[in-house]
Amino acid sequence: MFTITQSAKTELQNRLKLTDSNKLIRLQMRKSCFMKLKLTFEESIQTNDTEFVMNGMHFIIDKGEHHYFNNKQIDFIPDQTGFKQFEVI
């Protein structure tokens, strides 16, 4: 479905070390910024979610957003102002 760059993988692993959650990573498209991701950690999977396991990490995506991730790559790119962000490229 999608791939993850080494930069994104490293950042996700670092963030997972800091959370006490169940380690489910929700990927959502930001409604205000095309191709930017909102990433949150969740305790459980919702009924409309699909789980993808990749590199030992568990991602969940709402079934209505699958098409945004098809054949895409998730990358981590810190921007010029220091705001760290994930992008779909």
PDB file of N, CA and C in Angstrom:
ATOM      1  N   MET A   1       0.817  -1.198   0.000  1.00  0.00           N
ATOM      2  CA  MET A   1       0.000   0.000   0.000  1.00  0.00           C
ATOM      3  C   MET A   1       0.860   1.261   0.000  1.00  0.00           C
ATOM      4  N   PHE A   2       1.752   1.421   0.991  1.00  0.00           N
ATOM      5  CA  PHE A   2       2.642   2.571   1.037  1.00  0.00           C
ATOM      6  C   PHE A   2       3.994   2.113   1.567  1.00  0.00           C
ATOM      7  N   THR A   3       4.990   2.941   1.391  1.00  0.00           N
ATOM      8  CA  THR A   3       6.310   2.663   1.940  1.00  0.00           C
ATOM      9  C   THR A   3       6.696   3.807   2.875  1.00  0.00           C
ATOM     10  N   ILE A   4       7.756   3.576   3.644  1.00  0.00           N
ATOM     11  CA  ILE A   4       8.220   4.569   4.610  1.00  0.00           C
ATOM     12  C   ILE A   4       9.701   4.814   4.364  1.00  0.00           C
ATOM     13  N   THR A   5      10.096   6.089   4.281  1.00  0.00           N
ATOM     14  CA  THR A   5      11.513   6.397   4.124  1.00  0.00           C
ATOM     15  C   THR A   5      12.241   6.123   5.435  1.00  0.00           C
ATOM     16  N   GLN A   6      13.543   6.008   5.353  1.00  0.00           N
ATOM     17  CA  GLN A   6      14.343   5.780   6.558  1.00  0.00           C
ATOM     18  C   GLN A   6      14.180   6.935   7.545  1.00  0.00           C
ATOM     19  N   SER A   7      14.101   8.142   7.042  1.00  0.00           N
ATOM     20  CA  SER A   7      13.910   9.316   7.896  1.00  0.00           C
ATOM     21  C   SER A   7      12.595   9.227   8.680  1.00  0.00           C
ATOM     22  N   ALA A   8      11.518   8.841   8.013  1.00  0.00           N
ATOM     23  CA  ALA A   8      10.220   8.698   8.683  1.00  0.00           C
ATOM     24  C   ALA A   8      10.242   7.542   9.676  1.00  0.00           C
ATOM     25  N   LYS A   9      10.869   6.443   9.290  1.00  0.00           N
ATOM     26  CA  LYS A   9      10.961   5.275  10.175  1.00  0.00           C
ATOM     27  C   LYS A   9      11.692   5.638  11.469  1.00  0.00           C
ATOM     28  N   THR A  10      12.796   6.337  11.342  1.00  0.00           N
ATOM     29  CA  THR A  10      13.571   6.746  12.518  1.00  0.00           C
ATOM     30  C   THR A  10      12.763   7.667  13.417  1.00  0.00           C
ATOM     31  N   GLU A  11      12.086   8.651  12.826  1.00  0.00           N
ATOM     32  CA  GLU A  11      11.285   9.584  13.616  1.00  0.00           C
ATOM     33  C   GLU A  11      10.126   8.873  14.309  1.00  0.00           C
ATOM     34  N   LEU A  12       9.467   7.968  13.613  1.00  0.00           N
ATOM     35  CA  LEU A  12       8.368   7.221  14.227  1.00  0.00           C
ATOM     36  C   LEU A  12       8.861   6.358  15.384  1.00  0.00           C
ATOM     37  N   GLN A  13       9.978   5.688  15.208  1.00  0.00           N
ATOM     38  CA  GLN A  13      10.529   4.861  16.285  1.00  0.00           C
ATOM     39  C   GLN A  13      10.893   5.718  17.490  1.00  0.00           C
ATOM     40  N   ASN A  14      11.437   6.908  17.263  1.00  0.00           N
ATOM     41  CA  ASN A  14      11.750   7.818  18.363  1.00  0.00           C
ATOM     42  C   ASN A  14      10.489   8.259  19.094  1.00  0.00           C
ATOM     43  N   ARG A  15       9.445   8.567  18.359  1.00  0.00           N
ATOM     44  CA  ARG A  15       8.182   8.990  18.980  1.00  0.00           C
ATOM     45  C   ARG A  15       7.515   7.840  19.733  1.00  0.00           C
ATOM     46  N   LEU A  16       7.611   6.638  19.190  1.00  0.00           N
ATOM     47  CA  LEU A  16       7.020   5.482  19.869  1.00  0.00           C
ATOM     48  C   LEU A  16       7.673   5.220  21.220  1.00  0.00           C
ATOM     49  N   LYS A  17       8.954   5.509  21.334  1.00  0.00           N
ATOM     50  CA  LYS A  17       9.660   5.326  22.599  1.00  0.00           C
ATOM     51  C   LYS A  17       9.131   6.270  23.673  1.00  0.00           C
ATOM     52  N   LEU A  18       8.552   7.404  23.262  1.00  0.00           N
ATOM     53  CA  LEU A  18       8.090   8.420  24.197  1.00  0.00           C
ATOM     54  C   LEU A  18       6.631   8.267  24.606  1.00  0.00           C
ATOM     55  N   THR A  19       5.910   7.359  23.982  1.00  0.00           N
ATOM     56  CA  THR A  19       4.490   7.231  24.272  1.00  0.00           C
ATOM     57  C   THR A  19       4.201   5.999  25.133  1.00  0.00           C
ATOM     58  N   ASP A  20       3.132   6.114  25.918  1.00  0.00           N
ATOM     59  CA  ASP A  20       2.691   4.995  26.749  1.00  0.00           C
ATOM     60  C   ASP A  20       1.492   4.295  26.136  1.00  0.00           C
ATOM     61  N   SER A  21       1.118   4.689  24.926  1.00  0.00           N
ATOM     62  CA  SER A  21      -0.077   4.123  24.310  1.00  0.00           C
ATOM     63  C   SER A  21       0.174   2.700  23.828  1.00  0.00           C
ATOM     64  N   ASN A  22      -0.824   2.144  23.203  1.00  0.00           N
ATOM     65  CA  ASN A  22      -0.767   0.776  22.713  1.00  0.00           C
ATOM     66  C   ASN A  22       0.048   0.648  21.427  1.00  0.00           C
ATOM     67  N   LYS A  23       0.671   1.697  21.000  1.00  0.00           N
ATOM     68  CA  LYS A  23       1.575   1.683  19.848  1.00  0.00           C
ATOM     69  C   LYS A  23       0.888   1.564  18.493  1.00  0.00           C
ATOM     70  N   LEU A  24      -0.365   1.946  18.391  1.00  0.00           N
ATOM     71  CA  LEU A  24      -1.037   2.009  17.097  1.00  0.00           C
ATOM     72  C   LEU A  24      -0.837   3.409  16.536  1.00  0.00           C
ATOM     73  N   ILE A  25      -0.367   3.507  15.316  1.00  0.00           N
ATOM     74  CA  ILE A  25      -0.078   4.799  14.695  1.00  0.00           C
ATOM     75  C   ILE A  25      -1.183   5.104  13.696  1.00  0.00           C
ATOM     76  N   ARG A  26      -1.985   6.125  13.991  1.00  0.00           N
ATOM     77  CA  ARG A  26      -3.048   6.516  13.061  1.00  0.00           C
ATOM     78  C   ARG A  26      -2.485   7.523  12.074  1.00  0.00           C
ATOM     79  N   LEU A  27      -2.683   7.220  10.780  1.00  0.00           N
ATOM     80  CA  LEU A  27      -2.318   8.131   9.716  1.00  0.00           C
ATOM     81  C   LEU A  27      -3.587   8.752   9.154  1.00  0.00           C
ATOM     82  N   GLN A  28      -3.625  10.077   9.109  1.00  0.00           N
ATOM     83  CA  GLN A  28      -4.752  10.804   8.548  1.00  0.00           C
ATOM     84  C   GLN A  28      -4.209  11.920   7.672  1.00  0.00           C
ATOM     85  N   MET A  29      -4.931  12.244   6.623  1.00  0.00           N
ATOM     86  CA  MET A  29      -4.555  13.389   5.810  1.00  0.00           C
ATOM     87  C   MET A  29      -5.013  14.642   6.527  1.00  0.00           C
ATOM     88  N   ARG A  30      -4.176  15.673   6.544  1.00  0.00           N
ATOM     89  CA  ARG A  30      -4.597  16.959   7.105  1.00  0.00           C
ATOM     90  C   ARG A  30      -5.550  17.608   6.127  1.00  0.00           C
ATOM     91  N   LYS A  31      -6.676  18.004   6.605  1.00  0.00           N
ATOM     92  CA  LYS A  31      -7.700  18.571   5.731  1.00  0.00           C
ATOM     93  C   LYS A  31      -7.298  19.942   5.186  1.00  0.00           C
ATOM     94  N   SER A  32      -6.449  20.660   5.896  1.00  0.00           N
ATOM     95  CA  SER A  32      -6.073  22.013   5.473  1.00  0.00           C
ATOM     96  C   SER A  32      -4.792  22.059   4.646  1.00  0.00           C
ATOM     97  N   CYS A  33      -4.005  20.992   4.630  1.00  0.00           N
ATOM     98  CA  CYS A  33      -2.729  20.982   3.909  1.00  0.00           C
ATOM     99  C   CYS A  33      -2.641  19.711   3.074  1.00  0.00           C
ATOM    100  N   PHE A  34      -2.773  19.846   1.794  1.00  0.00           N
ATOM    101  CA  PHE A  34      -2.728  18.690   0.909  1.00  0.00           C
ATOM    102  C   PHE A  34      -1.387  17.980   1.027  1.00  0.00           C
ATOM    103  N   MET A  35      -1.427  16.673   1.150  1.00  0.00           N
ATOM    104  CA  MET A  35      -0.279  15.780   1.227  1.00  0.00           C
ATOM    105  C   MET A  35       0.478  15.857   2.562  1.00  0.00           C
ATOM    106  N   LYS A  36      -0.017  16.576   3.534  1.00  0.00           N
ATOM    107  CA  LYS A  36       0.569  16.577   4.870  1.00  0.00           C
ATOM    108  C   LYS A  36      -0.210  15.583   5.723  1.00  0.00           C
ATOM    109  N   LEU A  37       0.487  14.940   6.634  1.00  0.00           N
ATOM    110  CA  LEU A  37      -0.143  13.926   7.474  1.00  0.00           C
ATOM    111  C   LEU A  37      -0.343  14.399   8.897  1.00  0.00           C
ATOM    112  N   LYS A  38      -1.434  13.968   9.461  1.00  0.00           N
ATOM    113  CA  LYS A  38      -1.658  14.091  10.896  1.00  0.00           C
ATOM    114  C   LYS A  38      -1.395  12.707  11.456  1.00  0.00           C
ATOM    115  N   LEU A  39      -0.520  12.628  12.413  1.00  0.00           N
ATOM    116  CA  LEU A  39      -0.116  11.357  12.986  1.00  0.00           C
ATOM    117  C   LEU A  39      -0.432  11.364  14.471  1.00  0.00           C
ATOM    118  N   THR A  40      -1.200  10.373  14.928  1.00  0.00           N
ATOM    119  CA  THR A  40      -1.513  10.258  16.348  1.00  0.00           C
ATOM    120  C   THR A  40      -1.316   8.811  16.788  1.00  0.00           C
ATOM    121  N   PHE A  41      -1.139   8.630  18.079  1.00  0.00           N
ATOM    122  CA  PHE A  41      -1.032   7.296  18.651  1.00  0.00           C
ATOM    123  C   PHE A  41      -2.355   6.953  19.305  1.00  0.00           C
ATOM    124  N   GLU A  42      -2.824   5.744  19.087  1.00  0.00           N
ATOM    125  CA  GLU A  42      -4.142   5.343  19.557  1.00  0.00           C
ATOM    126  C   GLU A  42      -4.056   4.061  20.369  1.00  0.00           C
ATOM    127  N   GLU A  43      -5.060   3.860  21.181  1.00  0.00           N
ATOM    128  CA  GLU A  43      -5.155   2.676  22.024  1.00  0.00           C
ATOM    129  C   GLU A  43      -5.850   1.510  21.335  1.00  0.00           C
ATOM    130  N   SER A  44      -6.780   1.826  20.416  1.00  0.00           N
ATOM    131  CA  SER A  44      -7.549   0.749  19.807  1.00  0.00           C
ATOM    132  C   SER A  44      -7.901   1.087  18.367  1.00  0.00           C
ATOM    133  N   ILE A  45      -8.302   0.068  17.642  1.00  0.00           N
ATOM    134  CA  ILE A  45      -8.715   0.203  16.252  1.00  0.00           C
ATOM    135  C   ILE A  45     -10.221   0.434  16.220  1.00  0.00           C
ATOM    136  N   GLN A  46     -10.664   1.383  15.411  1.00  0.00           N
ATOM    137  CA  GLN A  46     -12.093   1.656  15.253  1.00  0.00           C
ATOM    138  C   GLN A  46     -12.677   0.721  14.183  1.00  0.00           C
ATOM    139  N   THR A  47     -13.985   0.628  14.126  1.00  0.00           N
ATOM    140  CA  THR A  47     -14.638  -0.310  13.207  1.00  0.00           C
ATOM    141  C   THR A  47     -14.372   0.011  11.744  1.00  0.00           C
ATOM    142  N   ASN A  48     -14.116   1.246  11.402  1.00  0.00           N
ATOM    143  CA  ASN A  48     -13.889   1.629  10.006  1.00  0.00           C
ATOM    144  C   ASN A  48     -12.397   1.699   9.655  1.00  0.00           C
ATOM    145  N   ASP A  49     -11.531   1.164  10.502  1.00  0.00           N
ATOM    146  CA  ASP A  49     -10.084   1.215  10.289  1.00  0.00           C
ATOM    147  C   ASP A  49      -9.549  -0.082   9.704  1.00  0.00           C
ATOM    148  N   THR A  50      -8.429   0.055   9.016  1.00  0.00           N
ATOM    149  CA  THR A  50      -7.655  -1.090   8.557  1.00  0.00           C
ATOM    150  C   THR A  50      -6.273  -0.966   9.166  1.00  0.00           C
ATOM    151  N   GLU A  51      -5.726  -2.081   9.619  1.00  0.00           N
ATOM    152  CA  GLU A  51      -4.393  -2.080  10.224  1.00  0.00           C
ATOM    153  C   GLU A  51      -3.372  -2.609   9.218  1.00  0.00           C
ATOM    154  N   PHE A  52      -2.244  -1.917   9.130  1.00  0.00           N
ATOM    155  CA  PHE A  52      -1.126  -2.331   8.299  1.00  0.00           C
ATOM    156  C   PHE A  52       0.098  -2.446   9.195  1.00  0.00           C
ATOM    157  N   VAL A  53       0.796  -3.571   9.137  1.00  0.00           N
ATOM    158  CA  VAL A  53       2.010  -3.757   9.921  1.00  0.00           C
ATOM    159  C   VAL A  53       3.193  -3.643   8.968  1.00  0.00           C
ATOM    160  N   MET A  54       4.111  -2.744   9.314  1.00  0.00           N
ATOM    161  CA  MET A  54       5.266  -2.500   8.472  1.00  0.00           C
ATOM    162  C   MET A  54       6.462  -2.138   9.355  1.00  0.00           C
ATOM    163  N   ASN A  55       7.569  -2.818   9.141  1.00  0.00           N
ATOM    164  CA  ASN A  55       8.784  -2.560   9.913  1.00  0.00           C
ATOM    165  C   ASN A  55       8.539  -2.673  11.416  1.00  0.00           C
ATOM    166  N   GLY A  56       7.664  -3.584  11.816  1.00  0.00           N
ATOM    167  CA  GLY A  56       7.364  -3.778  13.227  1.00  0.00           C
ATOM    168  C   GLY A  56       6.459  -2.715  13.825  1.00  0.00           C
ATOM    169  N   MET A  57       5.952  -1.796  13.008  1.00  0.00           N
ATOM    170  CA  MET A  57       5.053  -0.740  13.478  1.00  0.00           C
ATOM    171  C   MET A  57       3.651  -1.017  12.966  1.00  0.00           C
ATOM    172  N   HIS A  58       2.661  -0.697  13.782  1.00  0.00           N
ATOM    173  CA  HIS A  58       1.268  -0.951  13.460  1.00  0.00           C
ATOM    174  C   HIS A  58       0.589   0.368  13.089  1.00  0.00           C
ATOM    175  N   PHE A  59       0.209   0.488  11.825  1.00  0.00           N
ATOM    176  CA  PHE A  59      -0.463   1.677  11.324  1.00  0.00           C
ATOM    177  C   PHE A  59      -1.944   1.387  11.175  1.00  0.00           C
ATOM    178  N   ILE A  60      -2.770   2.389  11.472  1.00  0.00           N
ATOM    179  CA  ILE A  60      -4.197   2.264  11.220  1.00  0.00           C
ATOM    180  C   ILE A  60      -4.622   3.449  10.351  1.00  0.00           C
ATOM    181  N   ILE A  61      -5.469   3.132   9.367  1.00  0.00           N
ATOM    182  CA  ILE A  61      -5.970   4.139   8.436  1.00  0.00           C
ATOM    183  C   ILE A  61      -7.463   3.907   8.255  1.00  0.00           C
ATOM    184  N   ASP A  62      -8.222   4.990   8.298  1.00  0.00           N
ATOM    185  CA  ASP A  62      -9.650   4.908   8.029  1.00  0.00           C
ATOM    186  C   ASP A  62      -9.845   4.407   6.595  1.00  0.00           C
ATOM    187  N   LYS A  63     -10.773   3.494   6.412  1.00  0.00           N
ATOM    188  CA  LYS A  63     -11.002   2.903   5.086  1.00  0.00           C
ATOM    189  C   LYS A  63     -11.332   3.948   4.033  1.00  0.00           C
ATOM    190  N   GLY A  64     -11.908   5.061   4.429  1.00  0.00           N
ATOM    191  CA  GLY A  64     -12.237   6.135   3.491  1.00  0.00           C
ATOM    192  C   GLY A  64     -11.032   6.924   3.016  1.00  0.00           C
ATOM    193  N   GLU A  65      -9.885   6.732   3.657  1.00  0.00           N
ATOM    194  CA  GLU A  65      -8.676   7.465   3.276  1.00  0.00           C
ATOM    195  C   GLU A  65      -7.615   6.577   2.629  1.00  0.00           C
ATOM    196  N   HIS A  66      -7.912   5.309   2.396  1.00  0.00           N
ATOM    197  CA  HIS A  66      -6.932   4.394   1.795  1.00  0.00           C
ATOM    198  C   HIS A  66      -6.375   4.926   0.490  1.00  0.00           C
ATOM    199  N   HIS A  67      -7.226   5.513  -0.333  1.00  0.00           N
ATOM    200  CA  HIS A  67      -6.784   5.958  -1.655  1.00  0.00           C
ATOM    201  C   HIS A  67      -5.685   7.024  -1.584  1.00  0.00           C
ATOM    202  N   TYR A  68      -5.604   7.770  -0.493  1.00  0.00           N
ATOM    203  CA  TYR A  68      -4.542   8.769  -0.347  1.00  0.00           C
ATOM    204  C   TYR A  68      -3.159   8.121  -0.216  1.00  0.00           C
ATOM    205  N   PHE A  69      -3.112   6.885   0.244  1.00  0.00           N
ATOM    206  CA  PHE A  69      -1.847   6.230   0.570  1.00  0.00           C
ATOM    207  C   PHE A  69      -1.393   5.196  -0.461  1.00  0.00           C
ATOM    208  N   ASN A  70      -2.244   4.863  -1.420  1.00  0.00           N
ATOM    209  CA  ASN A  70      -1.908   3.855  -2.418  1.00  0.00           C
ATOM    210  C   ASN A  70      -0.668   4.250  -3.219  1.00  0.00           C
ATOM    211  N   ASN A  71       0.317   3.358  -3.225  1.00  0.00           N
ATOM    212  CA  ASN A  71       1.558   3.550  -3.980  1.00  0.00           C
ATOM    213  C   ASN A  71       2.273   4.851  -3.646  1.00  0.00           C
ATOM    214  N   LYS A  72       2.168   5.292  -2.411  1.00  0.00           N
ATOM    215  CA  LYS A  72       2.824   6.523  -1.959  1.00  0.00           C
ATOM    216  C   LYS A  72       3.926   6.187  -0.975  1.00  0.00           C
ATOM    217  N   GLN A  73       4.700   7.194  -0.655  1.00  0.00           N
ATOM    218  CA  GLN A  73       5.788   7.043   0.306  1.00  0.00           C
ATOM    219  C   GLN A  73       5.586   8.063   1.414  1.00  0.00           C
ATOM    220  N   ILE A  74       5.731   7.610   2.656  1.00  0.00           N
ATOM    221  CA  ILE A  74       5.627   8.492   3.817  1.00  0.00           C
ATOM    222  C   ILE A  74       7.041   8.971   4.138  1.00  0.00           C
ATOM    223  N   ASP A  75       7.203  10.274   4.230  1.00  0.00           N
ATOM    224  CA  ASP A  75       8.509  10.847   4.508  1.00  0.00           C
ATOM    225  C   ASP A  75       8.395  11.820   5.678  1.00  0.00           C
ATOM    226  N   PHE A  76       9.492  12.004   6.378  1.00  0.00           N
ATOM    227  CA  PHE A  76       9.571  12.967   7.472  1.00  0.00           C
ATOM    228  C   PHE A  76      10.485  14.088   7.019  1.00  0.00           C
ATOM    229  N   ILE A  77       9.956  15.307   6.986  1.00  0.00           N
ATOM    230  CA  ILE A  77      10.725  16.454   6.505  1.00  0.00           C
ATOM    231  C   ILE A  77      10.553  17.612   7.484  1.00  0.00           C
ATOM    232  N   PRO A  78      11.604  17.960   8.240  1.00  0.00           N
ATOM    233  CA  PRO A  78      11.486  19.160   9.087  1.00  0.00           C
ATOM    234  C   PRO A  78      11.478  20.391   8.178  1.00  0.00           C
ATOM    235  N   ASP A  79      10.548  21.306   8.406  1.00  0.00           N
ATOM    236  CA  ASP A  79      10.505  22.470   7.520  1.00  0.00           C
ATOM    237  C   ASP A  79      11.422  23.581   8.018  1.00  0.00           C
ATOM    238  N   GLN A  80      11.418  24.684   7.318  1.00  0.00           N
ATOM    239  CA  GLN A  80      12.331  25.802   7.590  1.00  0.00           C
ATOM    240  C   GLN A  80      12.117  26.437   8.961  1.00  0.00           C
ATOM    241  N   THR A  81      10.904  26.397   9.488  1.00  0.00           N
ATOM    242  CA  THR A  81      10.613  27.056  10.767  1.00  0.00           C
ATOM    243  C   THR A  81      10.808  26.129  11.963  1.00  0.00           C
ATOM    244  N   GLY A  82      11.180  24.871  11.710  1.00  0.00           N
ATOM    245  CA  GLY A  82      11.400  23.950  12.796  1.00  0.00           C
ATOM    246  C   GLY A  82      10.210  23.079  13.123  1.00  0.00           C
ATOM    247  N   PHE A  83       9.090  23.288  12.434  1.00  0.00           N
ATOM    248  CA  PHE A  83       7.915  22.445  12.642  1.00  0.00           C
ATOM    249  C   PHE A  83       8.156  21.129  11.936  1.00  0.00           C
ATOM    250  N   LYS A  84       8.149  20.048  12.664  1.00  0.00           N
ATOM    251  CA  LYS A  84       8.406  18.741  12.095  1.00  0.00           C
ATOM    252  C   LYS A  84       7.127  18.186  11.503  1.00  0.00           C
ATOM    253  N   GLN A  85       7.217  17.655  10.292  1.00  0.00           N
ATOM    254  CA  GLN A  85       6.019  17.179   9.628  1.00  0.00           C
ATOM    255  C   GLN A  85       6.272  15.915   8.833  1.00  0.00           C
ATOM    256  N   PHE A  86       5.206  15.185   8.623  1.00  0.00           N
ATOM    257  CA  PHE A  86       5.226  14.000   7.776  1.00  0.00           C
ATOM    258  C   PHE A  86       4.479  14.350   6.490  1.00  0.00           C
ATOM    259  N   GLU A  87       4.962  13.846   5.384  1.00  0.00           N
ATOM    260  CA  GLU A  87       4.341  14.121   4.100  1.00  0.00           C
ATOM    261  C   GLU A  87       4.139  12.835   3.328  1.00  0.00           C
ATOM    262  N   VAL A  88       3.172  12.860   2.445  1.00  0.00           N
ATOM    263  CA  VAL A  88       2.941  11.764   1.507  1.00  0.00           C
ATOM    264  C   VAL A  88       3.507  12.216   0.172  1.00  0.00           C
ATOM    265  N   ILE A  89       4.471  11.462  -0.340  1.00  0.00           N
ATOM    266  CA  ILE A  89       5.079  11.848  -1.621  1.00  0.00           C
ATOM    267  C   ILE A  89       4.936  10.710  -2.615  1.00  0.00           C
TER     268      ILE A  89
END
